[in-house]
Protein backbone atom coordinates (compact mmCIF):
# COMPACT_ATOMS: atom_id res chain seq x y z
CA MET A 1 4.16 12.26 31.51
CA THR A 2 2.27 15.49 32.04
CA GLY A 3 1.83 18.61 30.00
CA THR A 4 3.78 21.44 31.56
CA THR A 5 5.74 24.47 30.50
CA THR A 6 9.20 23.26 29.49
CA PRO A 7 12.04 25.09 31.32
CA ARG A 8 14.01 27.67 29.35
CA ASP A 9 17.06 29.77 30.09
CA ALA A 10 17.10 33.57 30.39
CA ALA A 11 17.38 33.91 26.62
CA GLY A 12 14.43 31.59 26.05
CA ALA A 13 16.46 28.59 24.87
CA LEU A 14 15.05 25.13 25.52
CA LEU A 15 16.55 23.42 28.59
CA ARG A 16 14.67 20.11 28.52
CA PRO A 17 13.35 17.78 25.83
CA GLU A 18 9.71 18.35 24.97
CA ILE A 19 6.83 17.24 22.82
CA VAL A 20 5.14 20.11 21.02
CA VAL A 21 1.54 19.45 19.98
CA ASP A 22 -0.16 21.74 17.47
CA LEU A 23 -3.84 21.71 18.38
CA ASP A 24 -4.71 23.75 15.29
CA ALA A 25 -3.40 20.82 13.24
CA ILE A 26 -5.69 18.48 15.19
CA ALA A 27 -8.64 20.74 14.45
CA HIS A 28 -7.67 20.97 10.76
CA ASN A 29 -7.53 17.18 10.46
CA VAL A 30 -10.91 16.66 12.12
CA ARG A 31 -12.55 19.19 9.80
CA LEU A 32 -10.76 17.73 6.78
CA LEU A 33 -11.87 14.17 7.55
CA GLY A 34 -15.45 15.28 8.05
CA ALA A 35 -15.47 17.16 4.77
CA HIS A 36 -13.76 14.31 2.91
CA THR A 37 -16.17 11.63 4.10
CA GLY A 38 -19.33 13.67 4.47
CA ARG A 39 -19.93 11.83 7.75
CA PRO A 40 -19.76 12.69 11.44
CA VAL A 41 -16.31 11.97 12.85
CA MET A 42 -15.46 9.99 15.96
CA ALA A 43 -12.04 11.21 17.08
CA VAL A 44 -10.24 8.33 18.78
CA VAL A 45 -8.22 9.65 21.73
CA LYS A 46 -7.18 6.39 23.41
CA ALA A 47 -3.62 5.76 24.64
CA ASP A 48 -3.35 9.35 25.90
CA GLY A 49 -4.32 10.71 22.52
CA TYR A 50 -1.77 8.53 20.69
CA GLY A 51 0.95 10.20 22.75
CA HIS A 52 -0.37 13.72 22.09
CA GLY A 53 -2.32 14.16 25.34
CA MET A 54 -5.91 12.92 25.60
CA LEU A 55 -7.63 15.88 27.22
CA PRO A 56 -6.29 18.75 25.06
CA VAL A 57 -6.76 16.66 21.91
CA ALA A 58 -10.32 15.81 22.94
CA ARG A 59 -11.17 19.46 23.49
CA ALA A 60 -9.63 20.51 20.18
CA ALA A 61 -11.41 17.71 18.33
CA ARG A 62 -14.77 18.58 19.88
CA ALA A 63 -14.33 22.26 19.06
CA ALA A 64 -13.51 21.34 15.45
CA GLY A 65 -16.75 19.40 15.10
CA ALA A 66 -15.97 15.84 16.19
CA ALA A 67 -19.39 14.43 16.99
CA TRP A 68 -17.98 11.55 19.05
CA LEU A 69 -14.89 10.62 20.99
CA GLY A 70 -13.63 7.04 21.15
CA VAL A 71 -11.47 5.35 23.77
CA ALA A 72 -10.39 1.80 24.42
CA THR A 73 -10.62 1.48 28.19
CA THR A 74 -13.21 2.36 30.77
CA ASP A 75 -10.62 4.34 32.74
CA GLU A 76 -10.04 6.54 29.68
CA ALA A 77 -13.78 7.16 29.48
CA ARG A 78 -13.89 8.02 33.18
CA ALA A 79 -11.00 10.47 32.77
CA LEU A 80 -12.83 12.30 29.98
CA ARG A 81 -16.02 12.57 32.01
CA ALA A 82 -14.06 13.70 35.09
CA ALA A 83 -12.47 16.43 32.97
CA GLY A 84 -15.90 17.73 32.03
CA ASP A 85 -16.53 16.15 28.64
CA THR A 86 -20.25 15.42 28.36
CA GLY A 87 -20.59 14.62 24.65
CA PRO A 88 -21.11 11.29 22.90
CA LEU A 89 -18.35 8.92 23.96
CA LEU A 90 -17.74 5.26 23.12
CA CYS A 91 -15.44 2.80 24.88
CA TRP A 92 -14.87 -0.76 23.77
CA LEU A 93 -12.51 -2.72 25.98
CA LEU A 94 -14.07 -4.16 29.12
CA THR A 95 -12.49 -6.06 31.99
CA PRO A 96 -14.57 -9.00 33.26
CA GLY A 97 -16.12 -8.30 36.66
CA GLU A 98 -15.77 -4.51 36.41
CA ASP A 99 -18.59 -2.38 37.82
CA LEU A 100 -19.87 -0.28 34.90
CA SER A 101 -22.65 1.53 36.74
CA ASP A 102 -20.76 4.84 36.84
CA LEU A 103 -20.32 4.76 33.07
CA VAL A 104 -24.03 4.08 32.64
CA ARG A 105 -24.89 6.99 34.94
CA ASP A 106 -22.51 9.25 32.99
CA GLY A 107 -24.06 8.37 29.64
CA VAL A 108 -20.99 6.64 28.22
CA ASP A 109 -21.71 4.31 25.31
CA VAL A 110 -20.17 0.93 26.10
CA THR A 111 -19.50 -1.84 23.61
CA ALA A 112 -20.96 -5.30 24.06
CA GLY A 113 -19.44 -8.07 21.98
CA THR A 114 -20.42 -11.01 24.18
CA ARG A 115 -23.43 -12.14 26.17
CA ALA A 116 -21.34 -11.69 29.32
CA SER A 117 -20.61 -8.03 28.56
CA LEU A 118 -24.27 -7.40 27.77
CA THR A 119 -25.26 -9.03 31.07
CA ALA A 120 -22.76 -6.83 32.92
CA LEU A 121 -24.27 -3.75 31.29
CA THR A 122 -27.85 -4.68 32.11
CA ALA A 123 -26.83 -5.26 35.73
CA ALA A 124 -25.07 -1.89 35.76
CA ALA A 125 -28.20 -0.27 34.34
CA GLN A 126 -30.29 -1.69 37.18
CA ARG A 127 -27.82 -0.32 39.75
CA ALA A 128 -27.61 3.04 38.01
CA GLY A 129 -31.36 3.40 37.61
CA ARG A 130 -31.20 4.21 33.90
CA ALA A 131 -30.83 2.36 30.62
CA ALA A 132 -27.30 1.53 29.51
CA ARG A 133 -26.23 3.02 26.20
CA VAL A 134 -24.90 0.00 24.34
CA GLN A 135 -23.23 -0.48 20.98
CA LEU A 136 -22.96 -4.02 19.67
CA LYS A 137 -19.74 -5.12 17.99
CA ILE A 138 -19.56 -7.90 15.42
CA ASP A 139 -16.25 -9.55 14.56
CA THR A 140 -16.27 -9.40 10.77
CA GLY A 141 -12.75 -10.69 10.31
CA LEU A 142 -10.20 -8.90 12.48
CA ARG A 143 -10.51 -11.73 15.03
CA ARG A 144 -10.10 -9.62 18.12
CA ASN A 145 -13.05 -8.53 20.25
CA GLY A 146 -16.62 -8.58 19.01
CA ALA A 147 -19.09 -11.40 18.57
CA LEU A 148 -18.30 -14.14 16.08
CA PRO A 149 -20.94 -14.51 13.35
CA GLN A 150 -22.23 -17.76 14.84
CA ASP A 151 -22.77 -16.05 18.20
CA TRP A 152 -24.25 -12.86 16.77
CA PRO A 153 -27.94 -13.89 16.54
CA ALA A 154 -28.04 -14.88 20.22
CA LEU A 155 -26.39 -11.59 21.25
CA VAL A 156 -28.84 -9.58 19.16
CA ALA A 157 -31.78 -11.52 20.59
CA ALA A 158 -30.58 -10.86 24.14
CA THR A 159 -30.16 -7.19 23.29
CA ALA A 160 -33.70 -7.03 21.91
CA ALA A 161 -34.98 -8.47 25.19
CA ALA A 162 -32.97 -5.92 27.20
CA VAL A 163 -34.27 -3.08 25.03
CA ALA A 164 -37.83 -4.29 25.60
CA ALA A 165 -37.16 -4.46 29.34
CA GLY A 166 -35.84 -0.89 29.35
CA THR A 167 -32.37 -1.75 30.64
CA VAL A 168 -30.59 -1.12 27.33
CA GLU A 169 -30.73 1.57 24.66
CA LEU A 170 -29.10 0.31 21.47
CA THR A 171 -27.16 3.25 20.08
CA GLY A 172 -24.92 1.61 17.48
CA VAL A 173 -23.64 -1.46 15.69
CA TRP A 174 -20.03 -1.57 14.57
CA SER A 175 -16.98 -3.53 13.52
CA HIS A 176 -13.34 -2.93 12.70
CA LEU A 177 -11.41 -3.52 9.47
CA ALA A 178 -8.20 -5.54 9.35
CA CYS A 179 -6.72 -4.48 5.99
CA ALA A 180 -8.14 -1.03 5.20
CA ASP A 181 -4.67 0.34 4.44
CA GLU A 182 -4.55 -2.10 1.50
CA PRO A 183 -7.60 -1.12 -0.56
CA ALA A 184 -7.36 -4.08 -2.94
CA HIS A 185 -7.15 -6.67 -0.17
CA PRO A 186 -10.07 -9.13 -0.45
CA ALA A 187 -10.66 -8.96 3.30
CA ASN A 188 -12.18 -5.49 2.91
CA ALA A 189 -15.04 -6.64 0.69
CA ALA A 190 -15.52 -9.72 2.84
CA GLN A 191 -15.78 -7.63 5.99
CA ARG A 192 -18.20 -5.18 4.41
CA ALA A 193 -20.40 -8.12 3.39
CA ALA A 194 -20.20 -9.66 6.87
CA PHE A 195 -21.18 -6.33 8.39
CA ALA A 196 -24.21 -6.11 6.11
CA ASP A 197 -25.21 -9.62 7.19
CA ALA A 198 -24.91 -8.60 10.83
CA LEU A 199 -27.11 -5.56 10.27
CA ALA A 200 -29.71 -7.76 8.61
CA VAL A 201 -29.89 -9.86 11.78
CA VAL A 202 -30.47 -6.70 13.81
CA ALA A 203 -33.33 -5.74 11.48
CA GLU A 204 -34.83 -9.23 11.75
CA HIS A 205 -35.14 -8.72 15.48
CA GLY A 206 -36.98 -5.44 14.98
CA LEU A 207 -34.17 -3.31 16.37
CA ASP A 208 -33.04 0.10 15.18
CA PRO A 209 -29.24 -0.33 14.89
CA GLY A 210 -28.53 3.27 15.77
CA LEU A 211 -25.23 4.42 14.30
CA ARG A 212 -23.65 1.94 11.91
CA HIS A 213 -19.87 2.36 11.72
CA LEU A 214 -17.07 0.34 10.19
CA ALA A 215 -14.46 2.75 8.79
CA ASN A 216 -11.20 3.42 10.62
CA SER A 217 -8.75 6.11 9.49
CA ALA A 218 -7.50 4.23 6.43
CA ALA A 219 -11.01 3.34 5.30
CA SER A 220 -12.18 6.90 5.97
CA VAL A 221 -9.54 8.14 3.54
CA LEU A 222 -9.70 5.33 0.96
CA ASP A 223 -12.97 3.38 1.08
CA PRO A 224 -16.26 5.30 0.76
CA ALA A 225 -18.23 2.03 0.70
CA SER A 226 -17.37 1.52 4.37
CA HIS A 227 -18.41 4.97 5.64
CA HIS A 228 -22.01 4.21 6.74
CA ASP A 229 -23.28 6.67 9.40
CA LEU A 230 -20.01 7.58 11.16
CA VAL A 231 -16.26 7.31 10.60
CA ARG A 232 -13.85 6.46 13.43
CA CYS A 233 -10.58 8.27 12.93
CA GLY A 234 -7.53 7.69 15.09
CA ILE A 235 -4.11 8.18 13.53
CA ALA A 236 -5.45 10.52 10.84
CA VAL A 237 -6.70 12.94 13.52
CA TYR A 238 -3.06 13.41 14.49
CA GLY A 239 -2.06 14.14 10.90
CA LEU A 240 -0.22 10.88 10.31
CA ASP A 241 -0.93 8.87 7.19
CA PRO A 242 -2.98 5.74 7.87
CA ALA A 243 -1.97 4.26 4.51
CA PRO A 244 1.46 5.65 3.61
CA GLU A 245 1.92 3.22 0.72
CA VAL A 246 -1.27 4.39 -1.04
CA PRO A 247 -1.28 7.85 -2.71
CA HIS A 248 -4.44 9.77 -1.82
CA GLY A 249 -3.55 13.47 -1.65
CA LEU A 250 -5.49 14.27 1.51
CA PRO A 251 -3.56 17.15 3.14
CA LEU A 252 -3.35 15.90 6.72
CA ARG A 253 -1.19 18.03 9.05
CA PRO A 254 1.10 16.22 11.51
CA ALA A 255 0.53 17.65 14.96
CA LEU A 256 3.54 16.43 16.96
CA THR A 257 7.15 17.56 17.13
CA LEU A 258 9.76 15.95 19.39
CA ARG A 259 12.58 18.37 20.16
CA ALA A 260 15.46 18.67 22.61
CA PRO A 261 18.50 20.85 23.24
CA LEU A 262 21.99 19.90 22.14
CA VAL A 263 23.83 19.53 25.44
CA LEU A 264 27.39 18.65 24.44
CA VAL A 265 29.67 18.82 21.38
CA LYS A 266 33.01 17.02 21.23
CA PRO A 267 35.51 15.96 18.57
CA ARG A 268 35.99 12.35 17.47
CA ALA A 269 39.13 11.25 15.68
CA ALA A 270 39.13 8.77 12.81
CA GLY A 271 38.89 5.26 14.21
CA GLU A 272 37.13 6.29 17.44
CA SER A 273 33.79 4.65 18.24
CA VAL A 274 30.71 5.86 20.11
CA SER A 275 28.03 4.49 22.44
CA TYR A 276 27.42 0.98 23.72
CA GLY A 277 28.93 -1.86 21.77
CA HIS A 278 30.94 0.52 19.58
CA THR A 279 28.61 -0.22 16.69
CA TRP A 280 29.74 2.91 14.82
CA THR A 281 33.31 4.03 14.29
CA ALA A 282 34.17 7.41 12.79
CA PRO A 283 35.74 6.82 9.35
CA ALA A 284 37.33 10.29 9.52
CA GLY A 285 37.68 13.08 12.02
CA THR A 286 34.33 14.56 12.96
CA THR A 287 32.35 16.12 15.78
CA VAL A 288 29.50 14.50 17.63
CA GLY A 289 26.67 15.97 19.67
CA LEU A 290 24.79 14.63 22.67
CA VAL A 291 20.99 14.86 22.83
CA PRO A 292 19.29 14.07 26.19
CA VAL A 293 16.57 11.66 25.05
CA GLY A 294 16.61 7.89 24.82
CA TYR A 295 14.46 4.83 25.19
CA GLY A 296 13.49 6.10 28.63
CA GLU A 297 11.52 8.73 26.74
CA GLY A 298 10.20 6.24 24.21
CA VAL A 299 12.79 6.75 21.49
CA PRO A 300 12.93 3.27 19.93
CA ARG A 301 16.19 1.41 20.30
CA ALA A 302 15.56 0.22 16.75
CA ALA A 303 16.42 3.79 15.66
CA SER A 304 20.07 3.11 16.52
CA GLY A 305 22.19 4.14 13.55
CA VAL A 306 19.33 4.25 11.04
CA VAL A 307 17.58 7.61 11.47
CA GLU A 308 18.39 11.28 11.09
CA VAL A 309 17.55 14.28 13.24
CA GLN A 310 17.59 18.00 12.55
CA VAL A 311 20.27 19.97 14.38
CA ALA A 312 20.26 23.76 14.03
CA GLY A 313 18.29 23.42 10.80
CA ARG A 314 20.40 20.67 9.18
CA ARG A 315 19.89 16.93 8.93
CA ARG A 316 22.37 14.88 10.94
CA ALA A 317 22.72 11.12 11.32
CA LEU A 318 22.15 9.39 14.64
CA ARG A 319 25.25 7.27 15.37
CA GLY A 320 25.66 4.28 17.64
CA ARG A 321 23.06 2.78 19.90
CA VAL A 322 20.15 4.61 21.44
CA CYS A 323 20.75 4.68 25.22
CA MET A 324 18.23 5.00 28.02
CA ASP A 325 18.81 8.74 28.46
CA GLN A 326 20.67 10.01 25.40
CA VAL A 327 21.62 9.64 21.76
CA VAL A 328 24.68 10.71 19.79
CA VAL A 329 24.51 12.49 16.43
CA ASP A 330 27.25 13.06 13.87
CA LEU A 331 27.79 16.78 13.32
CA GLY A 332 30.23 16.28 10.46
CA GLY A 333 32.95 18.51 11.89
CA ASP A 334 30.61 21.41 12.67
CA ALA A 335 30.21 22.71 16.21
CA PRO A 336 26.71 24.13 16.76
CA PRO A 337 26.36 25.93 20.06
CA VAL A 338 25.26 24.01 23.12
CA GLY A 339 21.56 24.67 23.45
CA ALA A 340 20.93 24.51 19.72
CA GLU A 341 17.58 22.97 18.83
CA VAL A 342 17.46 19.32 17.87
CA VAL A 343 14.26 18.09 16.23
CA LEU A 344 14.06 14.33 16.23
CA PHE A 345 10.92 14.35 14.10
CA GLY A 346 8.00 16.59 13.28
CA PRO A 347 5.94 17.96 10.41
CA PRO A 348 7.87 18.03 7.12
CA ALA A 349 9.86 21.21 6.47
CA PRO A 350 9.61 22.93 3.05
CA ASP A 351 13.33 22.39 2.51
CA GLY A 352 13.21 18.75 3.61
CA SER A 353 15.54 19.36 6.55
CA ARG A 354 13.24 17.94 9.23
CA PRO A 355 12.77 14.17 9.60
CA THR A 356 9.16 13.01 9.91
CA VAL A 357 7.45 10.41 12.05
CA GLN A 358 6.85 8.34 8.95
CA GLU A 359 10.57 8.36 8.06
CA TRP A 360 11.42 7.15 11.54
CA ALA A 361 8.77 4.45 11.38
CA GLN A 362 10.08 3.12 8.08
CA ALA A 363 13.69 3.20 9.28
CA CYS A 364 12.76 1.36 12.48
CA GLY A 365 10.66 -1.26 10.73
CA THR A 366 7.43 -0.22 12.44
CA ILE A 367 4.39 2.02 11.93
CA ASN A 368 3.86 5.70 12.66
CA TYR A 369 1.32 4.78 15.38
CA GLU A 370 4.03 3.19 17.51
CA ILE A 371 6.56 6.01 17.15
CA VAL A 372 4.24 8.64 18.66
CA THR A 373 2.23 6.48 21.07
CA ARG A 374 5.29 5.16 22.90
CA LEU A 375 6.59 8.66 23.77
CA GLY A 376 6.56 9.41 27.48
CA GLY A 377 8.96 9.00 30.36
CA ARG A 378 10.49 12.32 31.35
CA LEU A 379 9.18 14.27 28.39
CA THR A 380 6.84 17.19 28.93
CA ARG A 381 4.26 18.45 26.46
CA ARG A 382 3.75 21.98 25.24
CA TYR A 383 0.61 22.90 23.37
CA VAL A 384 0.37 25.50 20.65
CA GLY A 385 -2.74 26.64 18.85
CA HIS A 386 -6.23 27.06 20.23
CA ASP A 387 -7.25 24.88 23.16
CA PRO A 388 -10.70 25.55 24.61
CA GLY A 389 -10.51 25.15 28.36
CA ARG A 390 -6.75 24.74 28.69
CA SER A 391 -5.52 24.46 32.27
CA ALA A 392 -2.08 25.24 33.64
CA GLN A 393 -1.56 21.59 34.49
CA GLU A 394 -1.97 20.58 30.85
CA GLY A 395 0.53 22.96 29.31
CA THR A 396 0.78 26.44 27.91
CA ALA A 397 1.59 27.65 24.44
């Protein structure tokens, strides 16, 4: 999926489905999170900016004051550097055997959570002719990557030796919370305590830890005790609630709208069924509309028959199964013109007529992260708002 200008007819009507990304909303959220926490913000732009487009989001976040960018993979880090981003950048998911010397040369901070990853970084530093910028990760309870507590002292000792040898610059120590969206969960206090213990080991070895960071989006919003020197914000940067079950009042602005044209309207008589498996049958005469998006674009099949969309300003129910290329909506006997705008989800409308990402996530039994991140396929992106350095290949407003 690339960001391009979506085709329109002579009257300006939409001809293809598109994702619209409001970069001013991204900027608002970055500034809001910084003000709320009183800490520098790392804007996490992995997975193509959670489906919003990594490069435009990165530029908007930087311009709004994001001190750091965060990515999962080394290829994502390389793409940011290739696009001209030169600011502080952290990546954390390494592939064994990968040559990291280009990342060292480009000043990318790389996470080491094992002795093997630290060894790979010191070797890369020797090839690159400069010290590797390394952040150590401790597994405080999420049980994914990062050093286990019993392995932590040996990793810190090896890091101290590498710092003394000049092959490593320790720029940070961090971990990741498992249950931050549940503030009362006992894992949060346990992980904060484990992180403090890990920092004590770093101090015992005479090392400056650099930036200490633990808070993800949910903790940034809900848990000041976890904020330390930096907050890492992913989903909240995109205006989606990291803890939708916990009232907090922070006015995040959703940045993404998924919209498409209505391409066909036809009548359905009572007793007639629609889509694969005939899972929905019209109880009375109605009209149905065809919308040219489906699971080929990342619309979850779990949305079949359980979500609503906005058609020409009114909520309409999606009927039958989501297909690869299209969905069917119940127009209730109305006949909007072909070409009418269909918004599958987007920022909430004042009159409540527009479904939101969070509504779709709840209806589909998933989280808002998945709804936006899975979007792709044949969709194009259009960017609105201010984008420093926008190129034609990445979309126009």
